[in-house]
Amino acid sequence: MIQFLRNIRYLIIQTVDWFYFPFLNFIPREIFRYGFTGGLNTLFDLLLYFITYRYILDKQIVYLGFIAISPHIAAFMMVFPVTFLSGFIFAKYVTFSASELSGRIQLFRYGVTVFGAIILNYIFLKLFVEYFGWYATFSKGVTTVIVVIYSYLSQRYFSFKTAQLAFSRKAAN
C-alpha cells in the first residue's frame, strides 16, 4: 500500500512538473506546484460543491432538529473537510515535501493558516464591498489574490517550514 501511494505521489509530481516546463525560466518550481495543486484542489472543491448542493442536498434546506441550514452553507460544510484534507495532502507531499516537521504539526499549522484565509476572505469582502463600495465580483478577485499570497507565504514559512529556512534565518541574525 505504501509503495502504491508513493507511486501516486510520483505520478502527480511528474504530471505537475511536465506542465511546469514552459514556465521554467519565469516561475520557481515550488510556486508553480503551489499554484497548480491549489488550482486542482479548487476545481475539485467546486465539483464536489456542485454535486453536493445540486444532487445530494437537492437545493433543499437541511433540518437538524434544532437548526435549519441553508443548502449552500450545508454543501460548504460537507465539502470543506474533504477539500481541506486534499489541499493538505497536496501541500505536504507535492509542494512542500522538503519540510521535516511532523505531519501532526503540519496539519495543525495548515488548519491555522486555512482558518486565517477564511477570516481574511470575510474581512476583505466586507471591506471592499460594504465600505469601499466596489463590485462584489471585483472585490472577490482582489480578495483572492491577497489570500493566495497570504496562504502561500504562511504555508511556506509556517505550516511546512524547512530546517534550511530556520538555519538561513539564524545565519542572517
Protein backbone atom coordinates (compact mmCIF):
# COMPACT_ATOMS: atom_id res chain seq x y z
CA MET A 1 0.00 0.00 0.00
CA ILE A 2 2.84 2.39 0.89
CA GLN A 3 4.53 1.75 -2.44
CA PHE A 4 1.24 2.37 -4.25
CA LEU A 5 0.88 5.77 -2.51
CA ARG A 6 4.49 6.65 -3.35
CA ASN A 7 3.80 5.79 -6.99
CA ILE A 8 0.71 8.03 -6.97
CA ARG A 9 2.75 10.87 -5.45
CA TYR A 10 5.49 10.38 -8.04
CA LEU A 11 2.92 10.39 -10.86
CA ILE A 12 1.32 13.60 -9.58
CA ILE A 13 4.69 15.33 -9.24
CA GLN A 14 5.76 14.18 -12.73
CA THR A 15 2.48 15.48 -14.19
CA VAL A 16 2.75 18.84 -12.44
CA ASP A 17 6.39 19.20 -13.46
CA TRP A 18 5.53 18.33 -17.08
CA PHE A 19 3.19 21.35 -17.13
CA TYR A 20 5.94 23.39 -15.46
CA PHE A 21 8.38 23.09 -18.37
CA PRO A 22 7.12 26.16 -20.35
CA PHE A 23 7.37 28.29 -17.18
CA LEU A 24 10.83 27.06 -16.19
CA ASN A 25 12.53 30.43 -16.69
CA PHE A 26 9.76 32.55 -15.17
CA ILE A 27 8.41 30.90 -12.02
CA PRO A 28 10.18 28.92 -9.30
CA ARG A 29 9.12 25.25 -9.28
CA GLU A 30 7.68 25.43 -5.75
CA ILE A 31 5.43 28.40 -6.59
CA PHE A 32 4.26 26.66 -9.77
CA ARG A 33 3.49 23.47 -7.85
CA TYR A 34 1.61 25.50 -5.24
CA GLY A 35 -0.49 27.23 -7.91
CA PHE A 36 -1.09 24.06 -9.90
CA THR A 37 -2.12 21.89 -6.95
CA GLY A 38 -4.12 24.75 -5.44
CA GLY A 39 -5.93 25.15 -8.74
CA LEU A 40 -6.63 21.41 -8.91
CA ASN A 41 -7.93 21.46 -5.35
CA THR A 42 -10.14 24.46 -6.14
CA LEU A 43 -11.63 22.67 -9.17
CA PHE A 44 -12.17 19.58 -7.00
CA ASP A 45 -13.88 21.78 -4.40
CA LEU A 46 -16.18 23.35 -6.99
CA LEU A 47 -17.10 19.96 -8.47
CA LEU A 48 -17.86 18.45 -5.05
CA TYR A 49 -19.81 21.54 -4.04
CA PHE A 50 -21.89 21.42 -7.23
CA ILE A 51 -22.68 17.72 -6.82
CA THR A 52 -23.45 18.10 -3.10
CA TYR A 53 -25.60 21.21 -3.49
CA ARG A 54 -27.49 20.12 -6.59
CA TYR A 55 -27.82 16.35 -6.29
CA ILE A 56 -27.17 15.26 -2.70
CA LEU A 57 -28.99 18.11 -0.98
CA ASP A 58 -31.25 18.76 -3.98
CA LYS A 59 -31.05 22.50 -3.15
CA GLN A 60 -33.16 21.87 -0.04
CA ILE A 61 -32.77 23.30 3.45
CA VAL A 62 -31.16 20.83 5.86
CA TYR A 63 -33.15 20.46 9.10
CA LEU A 64 -31.17 19.14 12.05
CA GLY A 65 -33.98 19.44 14.58
CA PHE A 66 -32.53 22.36 16.49
CA ILE A 67 -31.36 24.36 13.47
CA ALA A 68 -32.08 24.73 9.78
CA ILE A 69 -29.11 25.18 7.46
CA SER A 70 -29.45 26.70 4.00
CA PRO A 71 -28.39 24.32 1.22
CA HIS A 72 -25.45 26.43 0.03
CA ILE A 73 -23.99 26.57 3.56
CA ALA A 74 -24.71 22.89 4.21
CA ALA A 75 -22.94 21.98 0.96
CA PHE A 76 -19.94 24.07 2.02
CA MET A 77 -19.88 22.36 5.43
CA MET A 78 -20.00 18.92 3.82
CA VAL A 79 -17.32 19.62 1.19
CA PHE A 80 -14.89 21.66 3.29
CA PRO A 81 -13.41 18.73 5.30
CA VAL A 82 -12.74 16.77 2.09
CA THR A 83 -11.01 19.60 0.24
CA PHE A 84 -9.21 20.71 3.41
CA LEU A 85 -7.67 17.24 3.57
CA SER A 86 -6.88 17.06 -0.15
CA GLY A 87 -5.29 20.52 0.00
CA PHE A 88 -3.15 19.43 2.94
CA ILE A 89 -2.06 16.26 1.15
CA PHE A 90 -1.09 18.22 -1.99
CA ALA A 91 0.84 20.75 0.09
CA LYS A 92 2.61 18.15 2.25
CA TYR A 93 3.52 15.61 -0.42
CA VAL A 94 3.80 17.64 -3.64
CA THR A 95 4.51 21.32 -2.98
CA PHE A 96 6.34 21.49 0.35
CA SER A 97 7.72 17.95 0.59
CA ALA A 98 11.10 19.13 1.96
CA SER A 99 9.60 20.13 5.31
CA GLU A 100 10.84 17.99 8.16
CA LEU A 101 8.15 18.98 10.65
CA SER A 102 5.99 16.10 11.88
CA GLY A 103 2.76 15.55 9.97
CA ARG A 104 0.73 16.32 13.10
CA ILE A 105 2.38 19.74 13.47
CA GLN A 106 1.99 20.43 9.76
CA LEU A 107 -1.71 19.55 9.86
CA PHE A 108 -2.35 21.79 12.87
CA ARG A 109 -0.45 24.69 11.31
CA TYR A 110 -2.18 24.13 7.97
CA GLY A 111 -5.50 24.34 9.78
CA VAL A 112 -4.46 27.63 11.40
CA THR A 113 -3.49 29.10 8.01
CA VAL A 114 -6.74 27.92 6.38
CA PHE A 115 -8.75 29.43 9.24
CA GLY A 116 -6.79 32.65 8.71
CA ALA A 117 -7.63 32.55 4.99
CA ILE A 118 -11.34 32.19 5.78
CA ILE A 119 -11.17 35.17 8.15
CA LEU A 120 -9.26 37.26 5.59
CA ASN A 121 -11.83 36.42 2.90
CA TYR A 122 -14.60 37.63 5.17
CA ILE A 123 -12.79 40.81 6.26
CA PHE A 124 -11.68 41.87 2.78
CA LEU A 125 -15.04 41.13 1.16
CA LYS A 126 -16.81 43.16 3.86
CA LEU A 127 -14.28 45.97 3.48
CA PHE A 128 -14.25 46.14 -0.30
CA VAL A 129 -17.98 45.69 -0.91
CA GLU A 130 -19.60 47.36 2.07
CA TYR A 131 -17.12 50.12 2.91
CA PHE A 132 -15.35 50.86 -0.38
CA GLY A 133 -18.47 50.23 -2.49
CA TRP A 134 -16.66 48.03 -5.01
CA TYR A 135 -18.49 45.48 -7.15
CA ALA A 136 -18.72 42.10 -5.43
CA THR A 137 -17.05 40.11 -8.20
CA PHE A 138 -14.14 42.55 -8.49
CA SER A 139 -13.84 42.52 -4.70
CA LYS A 140 -13.72 38.72 -4.70
CA GLY A 141 -10.96 38.79 -7.32
CA VAL A 142 -8.82 41.24 -5.33
CA THR A 143 -9.51 39.28 -2.15
CA THR A 144 -8.49 36.03 -3.81
CA VAL A 145 -5.14 37.49 -4.90
CA ILE A 146 -4.44 38.74 -1.36
CA VAL A 147 -5.50 35.46 0.25
CA VAL A 148 -3.47 33.32 -2.17
CA ILE A 149 -0.34 35.35 -1.38
CA TYR A 150 -1.06 35.07 2.36
CA SER A 151 -1.69 31.32 2.03
CA TYR A 152 1.50 30.64 0.12
CA LEU A 153 3.68 32.65 2.50
CA SER A 154 2.07 31.23 5.64
CA GLN A 155 2.31 27.66 4.39
CA ARG A 156 5.87 28.10 3.12
CA TYR A 157 7.24 29.79 6.22
CA PHE A 158 4.94 28.41 8.93
CA SER A 159 2.97 25.25 8.13
CA PHE A 160 5.67 23.48 6.11
CA LYS A 161 8.78 25.29 7.30
CA THR A 162 12.06 23.57 6.47
CA ALA A 163 15.24 23.30 8.51
CA GLN A 164 17.03 25.19 5.73
CA LEU A 165 14.73 28.19 6.30
CA ALA A 166 15.30 28.08 10.04
CA PHE A 167 19.07 27.84 9.52
CA SER A 168 19.20 30.69 6.98
CA ARG A 169 17.19 32.92 9.33
CA LYS A 170 19.61 32.21 12.20
CA ALA A 171 22.61 32.90 9.97
CA ALA A 172 21.10 36.23 8.89
CA ASN A 173 20.75 37.41 12.53
